[in-house]
Amino acid sequence: MNEPRLNQGPTDEQRRRIRRNAVVLGLLALGIYVAFIASGVLGLRG
């Protein structure tokens, strides 16, 4: 059971990169969702 460090999981740098990408993609999806809802509401009003 003597495995190299790389096979045990992502390193700290990779974890930070993955978390940052997840946050960016989450904010992007949230922005698209809010824009879609807002355009629907504004479309119904106009």
N, C-alpha and C. Protein backbone atom coordinates (compact mmCIF):
# COMPACT_ATOMS: atom_id res chain seq x y z
N MET A 1 0.83 -1.19 0.00
CA MET A 1 0.00 0.00 0.00
C MET A 1 0.86 1.24 0.00
N ASN A 2 1.87 1.25 -0.83
CA ASN A 2 2.79 2.39 -0.89
C ASN A 2 2.57 3.11 -2.21
N GLU A 3 1.55 3.97 -2.24
CA GLU A 3 1.19 4.66 -3.47
C GLU A 3 1.82 6.05 -3.51
N PRO A 4 2.13 6.52 -4.71
CA PRO A 4 2.63 7.90 -4.84
C PRO A 4 1.57 8.91 -4.44
N ARG A 5 2.01 10.13 -4.17
CA ARG A 5 1.13 11.20 -3.71
C ARG A 5 0.07 11.55 -4.76
N LEU A 6 0.44 11.46 -6.03
CA LEU A 6 -0.47 11.90 -7.08
C LEU A 6 -1.71 11.03 -7.18
N ASN A 7 -1.62 9.76 -6.81
CA ASN A 7 -2.76 8.86 -6.94
C ASN A 7 -3.71 8.94 -5.76
N GLN A 8 -3.37 9.68 -4.74
CA GLN A 8 -4.21 9.75 -3.55
C GLN A 8 -5.25 10.86 -3.67
N GLY A 9 -5.14 11.72 -4.64
CA GLY A 9 -6.11 12.80 -4.81
C GLY A 9 -5.42 14.04 -5.34
N PRO A 10 -6.23 15.07 -5.60
CA PRO A 10 -5.66 16.31 -6.13
C PRO A 10 -4.79 17.02 -5.10
N THR A 11 -3.81 17.72 -5.61
CA THR A 11 -2.94 18.49 -4.73
C THR A 11 -3.67 19.77 -4.30
N ASP A 12 -3.04 20.52 -3.40
CA ASP A 12 -3.67 21.75 -2.91
C ASP A 12 -3.91 22.73 -4.05
N GLU A 13 -2.93 22.84 -4.96
CA GLU A 13 -3.08 23.77 -6.08
C GLU A 13 -4.24 23.35 -6.98
N GLN A 14 -4.34 22.04 -7.25
CA GLN A 14 -5.43 21.56 -8.08
C GLN A 14 -6.77 21.76 -7.39
N ARG A 15 -6.80 21.57 -6.06
CA ARG A 15 -8.05 21.79 -5.33
C ARG A 15 -8.48 23.25 -5.42
N ARG A 16 -7.51 24.17 -5.28
CA ARG A 16 -7.84 25.59 -5.39
C ARG A 16 -8.36 25.91 -6.78
N ARG A 17 -7.72 25.35 -7.81
CA ARG A 17 -8.12 25.62 -9.19
C ARG A 17 -9.53 25.07 -9.44
N ILE A 18 -9.79 23.87 -8.96
CA ILE A 18 -11.11 23.26 -9.15
C ILE A 18 -12.18 24.07 -8.44
N ARG A 19 -11.87 24.51 -7.20
CA ARG A 19 -12.85 25.29 -6.45
C ARG A 19 -13.11 26.63 -7.14
N ARG A 20 -12.04 27.28 -7.64
CA ARG A 20 -12.22 28.56 -8.32
C ARG A 20 -13.06 28.38 -9.59
N ASN A 21 -12.78 27.31 -10.35
CA ASN A 21 -13.56 27.07 -11.56
C ASN A 21 -15.02 26.78 -11.22
N ALA A 22 -15.25 26.05 -10.14
CA ALA A 22 -16.62 25.76 -9.72
C ALA A 22 -17.36 27.04 -9.33
N VAL A 23 -16.67 27.93 -8.62
CA VAL A 23 -17.30 29.19 -8.22
C VAL A 23 -17.61 30.04 -9.45
N VAL A 24 -16.67 30.12 -10.37
CA VAL A 24 -16.89 30.93 -11.58
C VAL A 24 -18.05 30.37 -12.40
N LEU A 25 -18.07 29.05 -12.57
CA LEU A 25 -19.16 28.45 -13.34
C LEU A 25 -20.50 28.60 -12.62
N GLY A 26 -20.49 28.51 -11.31
CA GLY A 26 -21.71 28.70 -10.54
C GLY A 26 -22.25 30.11 -10.68
N LEU A 27 -21.36 31.10 -10.59
CA LEU A 27 -21.79 32.49 -10.74
C LEU A 27 -22.29 32.76 -12.16
N LEU A 28 -21.63 32.14 -13.14
CA LEU A 28 -22.06 32.31 -14.53
C LEU A 28 -23.46 31.73 -14.72
N ALA A 29 -23.68 30.53 -14.19
CA ALA A 29 -24.99 29.91 -14.30
C ALA A 29 -26.05 30.73 -13.57
N LEU A 30 -25.70 31.24 -12.39
CA LEU A 30 -26.65 32.06 -11.64
C LEU A 30 -26.99 33.33 -12.41
N GLY A 31 -25.97 33.95 -13.02
CA GLY A 31 -26.21 35.16 -13.81
C GLY A 31 -27.12 34.90 -15.00
N ILE A 32 -26.90 33.78 -15.68
CA ILE A 32 -27.75 33.44 -16.82
C ILE A 32 -29.18 33.18 -16.35
N TYR A 33 -29.30 32.48 -15.22
CA TYR A 33 -30.63 32.17 -14.67
C TYR A 33 -31.38 33.45 -14.31
N VAL A 34 -30.69 34.35 -13.60
CA VAL A 34 -31.33 35.61 -13.21
C VAL A 34 -31.69 36.44 -14.44
N ALA A 35 -30.81 36.47 -15.42
CA ALA A 35 -31.10 37.23 -16.64
C ALA A 35 -32.30 36.65 -17.38
N PHE A 36 -32.39 35.31 -17.38
CA PHE A 36 -33.52 34.66 -18.04
C PHE A 36 -34.83 35.00 -17.33
N ILE A 37 -34.83 34.93 -15.99
CA ILE A 37 -36.03 35.26 -15.22
C ILE A 37 -36.38 36.73 -15.42
N ALA A 38 -35.38 37.61 -15.35
CA ALA A 38 -35.63 39.04 -15.50
C ALA A 38 -36.17 39.36 -16.89
N SER A 39 -35.63 38.72 -17.92
CA SER A 39 -36.11 38.98 -19.27
C SER A 39 -37.54 38.48 -19.43
N GLY A 40 -37.88 37.39 -18.78
CA GLY A 40 -39.25 36.89 -18.83
C GLY A 40 -40.20 37.84 -18.14
N VAL A 41 -39.82 38.34 -16.97
CA VAL A 41 -40.68 39.27 -16.23
C VAL A 41 -40.83 40.57 -17.01
N LEU A 42 -39.71 41.10 -17.50
CA LEU A 42 -39.78 42.35 -18.25
C LEU A 42 -40.54 42.17 -19.56
N GLY A 43 -40.45 40.99 -20.13
CA GLY A 43 -41.18 40.71 -21.37
C GLY A 43 -42.66 40.69 -21.11
N LEU A 44 -43.08 40.15 -19.97
CA LEU A 44 -44.51 40.12 -19.65
C LEU A 44 -45.04 41.51 -19.34
N ARG A 45 -44.21 42.34 -18.71
CA ARG A 45 -44.66 43.70 -18.38
C ARG A 45 -44.77 44.56 -19.65
N GLY A 46 -43.77 44.41 -20.52
CA GLY A 46 -43.76 45.24 -21.71
C GLY A 46 -44.76 44.74 -22.70
